[in-house]
Amino acid sequence: MKNSILILFFALIINGLAFANPPGSAEVKIKTSAICGMCKKRIERDLGLTKGIVNSNLNLDDKVVTVTYNPKKTNPEKIKKAISKIGYDADEVVADQKSHDALPSCCQKTAEAHKD
């Protein structure tokens, strides 16, 4: 019984360390024009495929994506540009128009004005 508890304790510690930010990583928060769960899924997926991005999490309540990245491989300007290429505004960087127009209608900025 004691061994089981000890093993469980160490498993929880190791699991917690796996979700910690890697050493040398940085974090940036970027305001987006995301609207719905599909936007969240698209932004997080596409950022996950971007060089230097370790993790991303979009909070739809405040429309801010928190990005953990390797500063040796990317920087906040490149991350904002990547979000723009996905079709969304990223702070002062306006969404790429062609990418924005290719988004589902519910994910386009005009859909926000019609959202109740």
C-alpha atoms as a PDB file:
ATOM      1  CA  MET A   1       0.000   0.000   0.000  1.00  0.00           C
ATOM      2  CA  LYS A   2       2.789   2.400   0.912  1.00  0.00           C
ATOM      3  CA  ASN A   3       4.575   1.663  -2.364  1.00  0.00           C
ATOM      4  CA  SER A   4       1.396   2.326  -4.345  1.00  0.00           C
ATOM      5  CA  ILE A   5       0.946   5.724  -2.734  1.00  0.00           C
ATOM      6  CA  LEU A   6       4.600   6.579  -3.309  1.00  0.00           C
ATOM      7  CA  ILE A   7       4.396   5.560  -6.983  1.00  0.00           C
ATOM      8  CA  LEU A   8       1.204   7.595  -7.431  1.00  0.00           C
ATOM      9  CA  PHE A   9       2.858  10.628  -5.804  1.00  0.00           C
ATOM     10  CA  PHE A  10       5.880  10.487  -8.134  1.00  0.00           C
ATOM     11  CA  ALA A  11       3.650   9.923 -11.162  1.00  0.00           C
ATOM     12  CA  LEU A  12       1.719  13.091 -10.326  1.00  0.00           C
ATOM     13  CA  ILE A  13       4.936  15.092  -9.937  1.00  0.00           C
ATOM     14  CA  ILE A  14       6.337  13.840 -13.235  1.00  0.00           C
ATOM     15  CA  ASN A  15       3.016  14.553 -14.965  1.00  0.00           C
ATOM     16  CA  GLY A  16       3.046  18.121 -13.606  1.00  0.00           C
ATOM     17  CA  LEU A  17       6.579  18.675 -14.859  1.00  0.00           C
ATOM     18  CA  ALA A  18       5.597  17.535 -18.343  1.00  0.00           C
ATOM     19  CA  PHE A  19       3.151  20.443 -18.613  1.00  0.00           C
ATOM     20  CA  ALA A  20       5.552  23.077 -17.291  1.00  0.00           C
ATOM     21  CA  ASN A  21       7.106  25.498 -19.745  1.00  0.00           C
ATOM     22  CA  PRO A  22      10.418  24.219 -21.076  1.00  0.00           C
ATOM     23  CA  PRO A  23      13.544  26.008 -19.838  1.00  0.00           C
ATOM     24  CA  GLY A  24      14.462  28.952 -22.037  1.00  0.00           C
ATOM     25  CA  SER A  25      10.936  29.379 -23.386  1.00  0.00           C
ATOM     26  CA  ALA A  26       9.075  32.675 -23.424  1.00  0.00           C
ATOM     27  CA  GLU A  27       5.394  33.567 -23.341  1.00  0.00           C
ATOM     28  CA  VAL A  28       3.380  36.223 -25.159  1.00  0.00           C
ATOM     29  CA  LYS A  29      -0.302  37.163 -24.992  1.00  0.00           C
ATOM     30  CA  ILE A  30      -1.904  38.340 -28.230  1.00  0.00           C
ATOM     31  CA  LYS A  31      -5.412  39.771 -28.701  1.00  0.00           C
ATOM     32  CA  THR A  32      -7.193  38.119 -31.632  1.00  0.00           C
ATOM     33  CA  SER A  33     -10.425  38.519 -33.568  1.00  0.00           C
ATOM     34  CA  ALA A  34     -11.462  34.917 -32.822  1.00  0.00           C
ATOM     35  CA  ILE A  35     -15.165  34.360 -32.228  1.00  0.00           C
ATOM     36  CA  CYS A  36     -16.070  30.723 -31.634  1.00  0.00           C
ATOM     37  CA  GLY A  37     -14.810  27.270 -30.762  1.00  0.00           C
ATOM     38  CA  MET A  38     -13.912  26.609 -34.393  1.00  0.00           C
ATOM     39  CA  CYS A  39     -11.659  29.686 -34.317  1.00  0.00           C
ATOM     40  CA  LYS A  40     -10.002  28.401 -31.141  1.00  0.00           C
ATOM     41  CA  LYS A  41      -9.403  24.989 -32.654  1.00  0.00           C
ATOM     42  CA  ARG A  42      -8.014  26.437 -35.909  1.00  0.00           C
ATOM     43  CA  ILE A  43      -5.665  28.938 -34.226  1.00  0.00           C
ATOM     44  CA  GLU A  44      -4.297  26.460 -31.678  1.00  0.00           C
ATOM     45  CA  ARG A  45      -3.831  23.737 -34.325  1.00  0.00           C
ATOM     46  CA  ASP A  46      -2.118  25.982 -36.855  1.00  0.00           C
ATOM     47  CA  LEU A  47       0.112  27.646 -34.271  1.00  0.00           C
ATOM     48  CA  GLY A  48       1.097  24.171 -33.075  1.00  0.00           C
ATOM     49  CA  LEU A  49       2.470  23.525 -36.557  1.00  0.00           C
ATOM     50  CA  THR A  50       4.448  26.789 -36.584  1.00  0.00           C
ATOM     51  CA  LYS A  51       8.209  26.637 -36.068  1.00  0.00           C
ATOM     52  CA  GLY A  52       9.247  27.565 -32.540  1.00  0.00           C
ATOM     53  CA  ILE A  53       5.787  27.392 -30.957  1.00  0.00           C
ATOM     54  CA  VAL A  54       5.726  25.144 -27.900  1.00  0.00           C
ATOM     55  CA  ASN A  55       2.104  25.628 -26.855  1.00  0.00           C
ATOM     56  CA  SER A  56      -0.870  27.924 -27.453  1.00  0.00           C
ATOM     57  CA  ASN A  57      -4.153  28.426 -25.657  1.00  0.00           C
ATOM     58  CA  LEU A  58      -6.910  30.761 -26.818  1.00  0.00           C
ATOM     59  CA  ASN A  59      -9.296  32.111 -24.187  1.00  0.00           C
ATOM     60  CA  LEU A  60     -12.515  32.931 -26.033  1.00  0.00           C
ATOM     61  CA  ASP A  61     -13.850  35.083 -23.174  1.00  0.00           C
ATOM     62  CA  ASP A  62     -11.219  37.777 -23.721  1.00  0.00           C
ATOM     63  CA  LYS A  63     -10.058  36.589 -27.188  1.00  0.00           C
ATOM     64  CA  VAL A  64      -6.445  36.442 -26.034  1.00  0.00           C
ATOM     65  CA  VAL A  65      -4.158  33.642 -27.166  1.00  0.00           C
ATOM     66  CA  THR A  66      -1.309  32.798 -24.803  1.00  0.00           C
ATOM     67  CA  VAL A  67       1.632  31.412 -26.753  1.00  0.00           C
ATOM     68  CA  THR A  68       4.662  29.685 -25.276  1.00  0.00           C
ATOM     69  CA  TYR A  69       7.543  29.739 -27.736  1.00  0.00           C
ATOM     70  CA  ASN A  70      11.262  29.157 -28.180  1.00  0.00           C
ATOM     71  CA  PRO A  71      12.830  32.634 -28.584  1.00  0.00           C
ATOM     72  CA  LYS A  72      15.741  31.096 -30.496  1.00  0.00           C
ATOM     73  CA  LYS A  73      13.344  29.974 -33.253  1.00  0.00           C
ATOM     74  CA  THR A  74      10.626  32.652 -33.370  1.00  0.00           C
ATOM     75  CA  ASN A  75       9.479  35.940 -31.857  1.00  0.00           C
ATOM     76  CA  PRO A  76       6.190  37.750 -31.112  1.00  0.00           C
ATOM     77  CA  GLU A  77       6.177  39.531 -34.502  1.00  0.00           C
ATOM     78  CA  LYS A  78       6.445  36.212 -36.374  1.00  0.00           C
ATOM     79  CA  ILE A  79       3.720  34.719 -34.191  1.00  0.00           C
ATOM     80  CA  LYS A  80       1.404  37.662 -34.935  1.00  0.00           C
ATOM     81  CA  LYS A  81       2.136  37.260 -38.634  1.00  0.00           C
ATOM     82  CA  ALA A  82       1.304  33.520 -38.377  1.00  0.00           C
ATOM     83  CA  ILE A  83      -2.052  34.337 -36.722  1.00  0.00           C
ATOM     84  CA  SER A  84      -2.740  36.879 -39.471  1.00  0.00           C
ATOM     85  CA  LYS A  85      -2.018  34.245 -42.133  1.00  0.00           C
ATOM     86  CA  ILE A  86      -4.557  31.955 -40.432  1.00  0.00           C
ATOM     87  CA  GLY A  87      -7.142  34.704 -41.027  1.00  0.00           C
ATOM     88  CA  TYR A  88      -7.385  36.530 -37.703  1.00  0.00           C
ATOM     89  CA  ASP A  89      -6.239  39.891 -36.345  1.00  0.00           C
ATOM     90  CA  ALA A  90      -3.300  39.677 -33.934  1.00  0.00           C
ATOM     91  CA  ASP A  91      -2.938  42.835 -31.835  1.00  0.00           C
ATOM     92  CA  GLU A  92      -2.043  45.560 -34.355  1.00  0.00           C
ATOM     93  CA  VAL A  93      -1.487  43.089 -37.222  1.00  0.00           C
ATOM     94  CA  VAL A  94      -4.614  42.894 -39.389  1.00  0.00           C
ATOM     95  CA  ALA A  95      -5.793  39.520 -40.683  1.00  0.00           C
ATOM     96  CA  ASP A  96      -4.645  38.482 -44.143  1.00  0.00           C
ATOM     97  CA  GLN A  97      -7.724  39.278 -46.244  1.00  0.00           C
ATOM     98  CA  LYS A  98      -7.545  36.181 -48.462  1.00  0.00           C
ATOM     99  CA  SER A  99      -7.200  33.878 -45.428  1.00  0.00           C
ATOM    100  CA  HIS A 100      -9.973  35.709 -43.574  1.00  0.00           C
ATOM    101  CA  ASP A 101     -12.332  35.379 -46.528  1.00  0.00           C
ATOM    102  CA  ALA A 102     -11.645  31.617 -46.641  1.00  0.00           C
ATOM    103  CA  LEU A 103     -12.799  31.168 -43.016  1.00  0.00           C
ATOM    104  CA  PRO A 104     -16.288  29.778 -42.364  1.00  0.00           C
ATOM    105  CA  SER A 105     -18.823  32.642 -42.189  1.00  0.00           C
ATOM    106  CA  CYS A 106     -19.263  32.186 -38.427  1.00  0.00           C
ATOM    107  CA  CYS A 107     -15.540  32.849 -37.929  1.00  0.00           C
ATOM    108  CA  GLN A 108     -15.352  36.058 -39.955  1.00  0.00           C
ATOM    109  CA  LYS A 109     -15.209  39.418 -38.176  1.00  0.00           C
ATOM    110  CA  THR A 110     -18.591  40.449 -39.584  1.00  0.00           C
ATOM    111  CA  ALA A 111     -20.178  37.467 -37.811  1.00  0.00           C
ATOM    112  CA  GLU A 112     -19.264  39.055 -34.472  1.00  0.00           C
ATOM    113  CA  ALA A 113     -21.519  42.039 -35.198  1.00  0.00           C
ATOM    114  CA  HIS A 114     -24.453  39.655 -35.729  1.00  0.00           C
ATOM    115  CA  LYS A 115     -23.674  37.516 -32.680  1.00  0.00           C
ATOM    116  CA  ASP A 116     -26.343  37.804 -29.929  1.00  0.00           C
END
